[in-house]
N, C-alpha and C. Protein backbone atom coordinates (compact mmCIF):
# COMPACT_ATOMS: atom_id res chain seq x y z
N MET A 1 -26.41 -31.83 -4.98
CA MET A 1 -25.79 -30.53 -5.13
C MET A 1 -25.83 -30.09 -6.58
N GLY A 2 -26.18 -28.83 -6.83
CA GLY A 2 -26.22 -28.31 -8.19
C GLY A 2 -24.84 -27.88 -8.65
N ASP A 3 -24.76 -27.57 -9.95
CA ASP A 3 -23.48 -27.11 -10.51
C ASP A 3 -23.00 -25.83 -9.85
N PHE A 4 -23.97 -24.91 -9.54
CA PHE A 4 -23.56 -23.64 -8.93
C PHE A 4 -22.96 -23.88 -7.55
N ASP A 5 -23.54 -24.82 -6.79
CA ASP A 5 -23.03 -25.07 -5.46
C ASP A 5 -21.58 -25.53 -5.50
N LYS A 6 -21.21 -26.32 -6.50
CA LYS A 6 -19.82 -26.75 -6.66
C LYS A 6 -18.93 -25.57 -7.02
N ARG A 7 -19.40 -24.78 -7.99
CA ARG A 7 -18.59 -23.66 -8.46
C ARG A 7 -18.45 -22.60 -7.37
N ASP A 8 -19.47 -22.47 -6.51
CA ASP A 8 -19.45 -21.45 -5.47
C ASP A 8 -18.28 -21.68 -4.51
N ARG A 9 -17.86 -22.90 -4.34
CA ARG A 9 -16.76 -23.20 -3.42
C ARG A 9 -15.40 -22.99 -4.06
N GLU A 10 -15.36 -22.83 -5.35
CA GLU A 10 -14.10 -22.63 -6.06
C GLU A 10 -13.99 -21.17 -6.48
N GLU A 11 -12.83 -20.59 -6.28
CA GLU A 11 -12.62 -19.23 -6.72
C GLU A 11 -12.37 -19.20 -8.23
N VAL A 12 -12.82 -18.14 -8.87
CA VAL A 12 -12.55 -17.92 -10.29
C VAL A 12 -11.10 -17.51 -10.45
N PHE A 13 -10.62 -16.71 -9.49
CA PHE A 13 -9.23 -16.24 -9.47
C PHE A 13 -8.86 -15.99 -8.02
N SER A 14 -7.60 -16.24 -7.66
CA SER A 14 -7.17 -16.02 -6.29
C SER A 14 -5.73 -15.51 -6.28
N LYS A 15 -5.48 -14.54 -5.41
CA LYS A 15 -4.13 -13.98 -5.24
C LYS A 15 -3.84 -13.93 -3.75
N LYS A 16 -2.73 -14.52 -3.34
CA LYS A 16 -2.31 -14.56 -1.95
C LYS A 16 -1.14 -13.60 -1.77
N VAL A 17 -1.22 -12.73 -0.75
CA VAL A 17 -0.16 -11.77 -0.49
C VAL A 17 0.27 -11.91 0.96
N ARG A 18 1.52 -12.31 1.17
CA ARG A 18 2.07 -12.38 2.53
C ARG A 18 2.68 -11.04 2.86
N ALA A 19 2.30 -10.50 4.02
CA ALA A 19 2.79 -9.19 4.44
C ALA A 19 3.08 -9.24 5.93
N GLY A 20 4.31 -9.56 6.27
CA GLY A 20 4.68 -9.65 7.69
C GLY A 20 3.93 -10.77 8.38
N LYS A 21 3.24 -10.43 9.47
CA LYS A 21 2.50 -11.42 10.24
C LYS A 21 1.13 -11.73 9.66
N ARG A 22 0.75 -11.01 8.63
CA ARG A 22 -0.57 -11.18 8.04
C ARG A 22 -0.46 -11.75 6.63
N THR A 23 -1.53 -12.42 6.23
CA THR A 23 -1.66 -12.87 4.85
C THR A 23 -2.99 -12.34 4.34
N TYR A 24 -2.96 -11.80 3.13
CA TYR A 24 -4.17 -11.28 2.51
C TYR A 24 -4.52 -12.17 1.32
N PHE A 25 -5.80 -12.44 1.17
CA PHE A 25 -6.29 -13.23 0.04
C PHE A 25 -7.27 -12.36 -0.74
N PHE A 26 -7.04 -12.24 -2.04
CA PHE A 26 -7.93 -11.54 -2.95
C PHE A 26 -8.56 -12.60 -3.82
N ASP A 27 -9.83 -12.90 -3.59
CA ASP A 27 -10.51 -13.98 -4.30
C ASP A 27 -11.66 -13.45 -5.13
N VAL A 28 -11.70 -13.83 -6.41
CA VAL A 28 -12.80 -13.49 -7.29
C VAL A 28 -13.75 -14.68 -7.30
N LYS A 29 -15.02 -14.39 -7.03
CA LYS A 29 -16.05 -15.44 -7.05
C LYS A 29 -17.19 -14.97 -7.95
N ALA A 30 -18.13 -15.86 -8.22
CA ALA A 30 -19.24 -15.54 -9.11
C ALA A 30 -20.57 -15.71 -8.38
N THR A 31 -21.52 -14.81 -8.69
CA THR A 31 -22.87 -14.94 -8.17
C THR A 31 -23.62 -15.95 -9.02
N ARG A 32 -24.85 -16.25 -8.64
CA ARG A 32 -25.68 -17.16 -9.45
C ARG A 32 -25.89 -16.63 -10.86
N ALA A 33 -25.90 -15.30 -11.00
CA ALA A 33 -26.06 -14.68 -12.32
C ALA A 33 -24.73 -14.54 -13.05
N ASN A 34 -23.69 -15.16 -12.50
CA ASN A 34 -22.35 -15.15 -13.08
C ASN A 34 -21.70 -13.76 -13.08
N ASP A 35 -22.12 -12.90 -12.15
CA ASP A 35 -21.44 -11.62 -11.93
C ASP A 35 -20.30 -11.87 -10.95
N TYR A 36 -19.15 -11.34 -11.27
CA TYR A 36 -18.01 -11.52 -10.39
C TYR A 36 -18.04 -10.51 -9.25
N TYR A 37 -17.51 -10.92 -8.10
CA TYR A 37 -17.31 -10.04 -6.97
C TYR A 37 -16.01 -10.43 -6.30
N LEU A 38 -15.51 -9.56 -5.47
CA LEU A 38 -14.21 -9.73 -4.83
C LEU A 38 -14.39 -9.94 -3.34
N THR A 39 -13.68 -10.90 -2.78
CA THR A 39 -13.58 -11.01 -1.33
C THR A 39 -12.13 -10.74 -0.96
N ILE A 40 -11.95 -9.90 0.04
CA ILE A 40 -10.62 -9.61 0.57
C ILE A 40 -10.60 -10.16 1.98
N THR A 41 -9.67 -11.08 2.23
CA THR A 41 -9.58 -11.71 3.54
C THR A 41 -8.22 -11.42 4.15
N GLU A 42 -8.24 -10.98 5.41
CA GLU A 42 -7.01 -10.81 6.18
C GLU A 42 -6.95 -11.99 7.14
N SER A 43 -5.82 -12.67 7.18
CA SER A 43 -5.63 -13.80 8.07
C SER A 43 -4.38 -13.58 8.91
N LYS A 44 -4.52 -13.77 10.21
CA LYS A 44 -3.39 -13.58 11.12
C LYS A 44 -3.46 -14.67 12.19
N LYS A 45 -2.32 -15.29 12.45
CA LYS A 45 -2.25 -16.34 13.45
C LYS A 45 -2.13 -15.74 14.84
N ARG A 46 -3.04 -16.14 15.73
CA ARG A 46 -3.00 -15.67 17.10
C ARG A 46 -1.92 -16.45 17.84
N LEU A 47 -1.00 -15.74 18.47
CA LEU A 47 0.16 -16.38 19.11
C LEU A 47 -0.22 -17.24 20.30
N GLU A 48 -1.25 -16.83 21.05
CA GLU A 48 -1.61 -17.56 22.27
C GLU A 48 -1.99 -19.01 22.01
N ASP A 49 -2.78 -19.24 20.96
CA ASP A 49 -3.30 -20.60 20.73
C ASP A 49 -3.12 -21.11 19.30
N GLY A 50 -2.47 -20.31 18.46
CA GLY A 50 -2.20 -20.75 17.09
C GLY A 50 -3.41 -20.73 16.17
N VAL A 51 -4.52 -20.19 16.63
CA VAL A 51 -5.73 -20.12 15.82
C VAL A 51 -5.60 -18.96 14.82
N PHE A 52 -6.04 -19.18 13.60
CA PHE A 52 -6.02 -18.12 12.60
C PHE A 52 -7.29 -17.29 12.72
N ILE A 53 -7.12 -15.99 12.85
CA ILE A 53 -8.23 -15.05 12.90
C ILE A 53 -8.39 -14.47 11.50
N LYS A 54 -9.62 -14.48 11.00
CA LYS A 54 -9.86 -13.99 9.63
C LYS A 54 -10.91 -12.89 9.64
N HIS A 55 -10.67 -11.88 8.84
CA HIS A 55 -11.62 -10.80 8.61
C HIS A 55 -11.85 -10.74 7.11
N LYS A 56 -13.10 -10.61 6.71
CA LYS A 56 -13.41 -10.68 5.29
C LYS A 56 -14.28 -9.50 4.87
N ILE A 57 -13.98 -8.96 3.69
CA ILE A 57 -14.76 -7.89 3.07
C ILE A 57 -15.27 -8.43 1.73
N PHE A 58 -16.54 -8.21 1.45
CA PHE A 58 -17.11 -8.54 0.16
C PHE A 58 -17.26 -7.25 -0.62
N LEU A 59 -16.72 -7.22 -1.83
CA LEU A 59 -16.75 -6.01 -2.64
C LEU A 59 -17.37 -6.34 -4.00
N TYR A 60 -18.47 -5.66 -4.30
CA TYR A 60 -19.20 -5.93 -5.54
C TYR A 60 -18.83 -4.91 -6.60
N LYS A 61 -18.96 -5.32 -7.88
CA LYS A 61 -18.44 -4.51 -8.99
C LYS A 61 -19.00 -3.10 -9.02
N GLU A 62 -20.23 -2.90 -8.58
CA GLU A 62 -20.79 -1.55 -8.60
C GLU A 62 -20.10 -0.62 -7.59
N ASP A 63 -19.33 -1.20 -6.66
CA ASP A 63 -18.62 -0.41 -5.65
C ASP A 63 -17.13 -0.29 -5.91
N PHE A 64 -16.60 -0.97 -6.93
CA PHE A 64 -15.16 -0.99 -7.20
C PHE A 64 -14.57 0.41 -7.30
N GLU A 65 -15.17 1.26 -8.14
CA GLU A 65 -14.60 2.57 -8.40
C GLU A 65 -14.50 3.40 -7.12
N LYS A 66 -15.58 3.48 -6.37
CA LYS A 66 -15.58 4.28 -5.13
C LYS A 66 -14.62 3.68 -4.10
N PHE A 67 -14.57 2.36 -4.02
CA PHE A 67 -13.67 1.70 -3.08
C PHE A 67 -12.22 2.03 -3.42
N VAL A 68 -11.85 1.91 -4.69
CA VAL A 68 -10.47 2.18 -5.12
C VAL A 68 -10.13 3.65 -4.91
N GLU A 69 -11.08 4.55 -5.21
CA GLU A 69 -10.85 5.98 -4.97
C GLU A 69 -10.57 6.24 -3.49
N GLY A 70 -11.38 5.67 -2.62
CA GLY A 70 -11.20 5.85 -1.18
C GLY A 70 -9.89 5.26 -0.69
N LEU A 71 -9.55 4.08 -1.20
CA LEU A 71 -8.30 3.44 -0.81
C LEU A 71 -7.11 4.26 -1.26
N ASN A 72 -7.13 4.70 -2.52
CA ASN A 72 -6.02 5.51 -3.04
C ASN A 72 -5.86 6.81 -2.27
N GLU A 73 -6.97 7.47 -1.96
CA GLU A 73 -6.91 8.73 -1.22
C GLU A 73 -6.32 8.50 0.17
N THR A 74 -6.71 7.42 0.80
CA THR A 74 -6.21 7.11 2.14
C THR A 74 -4.72 6.77 2.11
N VAL A 75 -4.29 5.99 1.14
CA VAL A 75 -2.88 5.63 1.01
C VAL A 75 -2.04 6.88 0.73
N GLU A 76 -2.52 7.75 -0.13
CA GLU A 76 -1.81 9.00 -0.42
C GLU A 76 -1.70 9.86 0.83
N TYR A 77 -2.76 9.92 1.62
CA TYR A 77 -2.73 10.70 2.86
C TYR A 77 -1.62 10.17 3.78
N ILE A 78 -1.55 8.85 3.92
CA ILE A 78 -0.53 8.25 4.78
C ILE A 78 0.86 8.57 4.24
N LYS A 79 1.06 8.42 2.94
CA LYS A 79 2.37 8.72 2.34
C LYS A 79 2.76 10.18 2.55
N ASP A 80 1.80 11.07 2.36
CA ASP A 80 2.08 12.51 2.49
C ASP A 80 2.31 12.95 3.92
N ASN A 81 1.72 12.24 4.88
CA ASN A 81 1.78 12.67 6.28
C ASN A 81 2.63 11.78 7.16
N GLN A 82 3.24 10.76 6.61
CA GLN A 82 4.04 9.82 7.40
C GLN A 82 5.20 10.51 8.10
N GLU A 83 5.86 11.45 7.43
CA GLU A 83 6.99 12.14 8.02
C GLU A 83 6.57 12.88 9.28
N VAL A 84 5.40 13.47 9.27
CA VAL A 84 4.88 14.18 10.44
C VAL A 84 4.73 13.21 11.61
N VAL A 85 4.20 12.05 11.36
CA VAL A 85 4.02 11.05 12.41
C VAL A 85 5.37 10.58 12.93
N GLU A 86 6.34 10.35 12.03
CA GLU A 86 7.66 9.89 12.46
C GLU A 86 8.36 10.93 13.32
N LYS A 87 8.17 12.22 13.03
CA LYS A 87 8.78 13.27 13.85
C LYS A 87 8.11 13.36 15.21
N ARG A 88 6.80 13.13 15.26
CA ARG A 88 6.05 13.25 16.50
C ARG A 88 6.41 12.12 17.46
N TYR A 89 6.63 10.92 16.94
CA TYR A 89 6.95 9.76 17.76
C TYR A 89 8.32 9.24 17.38
N GLU A 90 9.28 9.48 18.24
CA GLU A 90 10.64 9.03 17.98
C GLU A 90 10.84 7.68 18.64
N PHE A 91 11.54 6.80 17.93
CA PHE A 91 11.81 5.47 18.46
C PHE A 91 13.13 5.48 19.21
N SER A 92 13.11 4.93 20.41
CA SER A 92 14.34 4.78 21.19
C SER A 92 14.45 3.33 21.65
N GLU A 93 15.52 2.99 22.33
CA GLU A 93 15.70 1.62 22.82
C GLU A 93 14.59 1.23 23.78
N ASN A 94 14.00 2.19 24.46
CA ASN A 94 12.93 1.93 25.42
C ASN A 94 11.55 1.92 24.77
N GLY A 95 11.49 2.06 23.46
CA GLY A 95 10.21 2.07 22.76
C GLY A 95 9.92 3.43 22.18
N PHE A 96 8.66 3.67 21.85
CA PHE A 96 8.26 4.94 21.27
C PHE A 96 8.06 5.97 22.36
N SER A 97 8.48 7.19 22.08
CA SER A 97 8.20 8.29 23.00
C SER A 97 7.72 9.46 22.18
N SER A 98 6.75 10.15 22.71
CA SER A 98 6.20 11.29 22.01
C SER A 98 7.05 12.51 22.29
N SER A 99 7.33 13.29 21.24
CA SER A 99 8.12 14.51 21.43
C SER A 99 7.37 15.47 22.34
N GLU A 100 6.05 15.33 22.41
CA GLU A 100 5.25 16.18 23.29
C GLU A 100 5.44 15.81 24.75
N ASP A 101 5.89 14.57 25.04
CA ASP A 101 6.06 14.10 26.41
C ASP A 101 7.40 14.52 27.00
N LYS A 102 8.29 15.15 26.21
CA LYS A 102 9.63 15.46 26.67
C LYS A 102 9.65 16.62 27.66
N SER A 103 8.58 17.35 27.75
CA SER A 103 8.49 18.48 28.66
C SER A 103 8.26 17.98 30.09
N ASP A 104 9.04 18.53 31.05
CA ASP A 104 8.82 18.20 32.46
C ASP A 104 7.73 19.06 33.07
N ASP A 105 7.23 20.01 32.29
CA ASP A 105 6.25 20.97 32.76
C ASP A 105 4.85 20.42 32.50
N PHE A 106 4.18 19.98 33.55
CA PHE A 106 2.83 19.46 33.43
C PHE A 106 1.84 20.49 33.96
N SER A 107 0.82 20.76 33.24
CA SER A 107 -0.23 21.64 33.74
C SER A 107 -1.57 20.96 33.52
N TYR A 108 -2.38 21.00 34.54
CA TYR A 108 -3.70 20.35 34.47
C TYR A 108 -4.79 21.36 34.54
């Protein structure tokens, strides 16, 4: 095994974020040319069998700016429009109900 093969298995930097039922891993790794890239992994334990399901995104430095712009725009959209969603779907003891479903008048 070469030196790169050993280093490839070790992250340059790693950040673990627990968020409810999911855990996110932000790992910085290096290419053979020693360029850093980011892997974002979502890990969630499946309740049926206890197996961890993982989804991974590889993000390279030439895409950082556009990725962050898209992420920020999407997060801002959610923040700005969350109240609209909360009004549309009211939570009750029986679960979520749509305010549009409250009408007894059905037309097809």
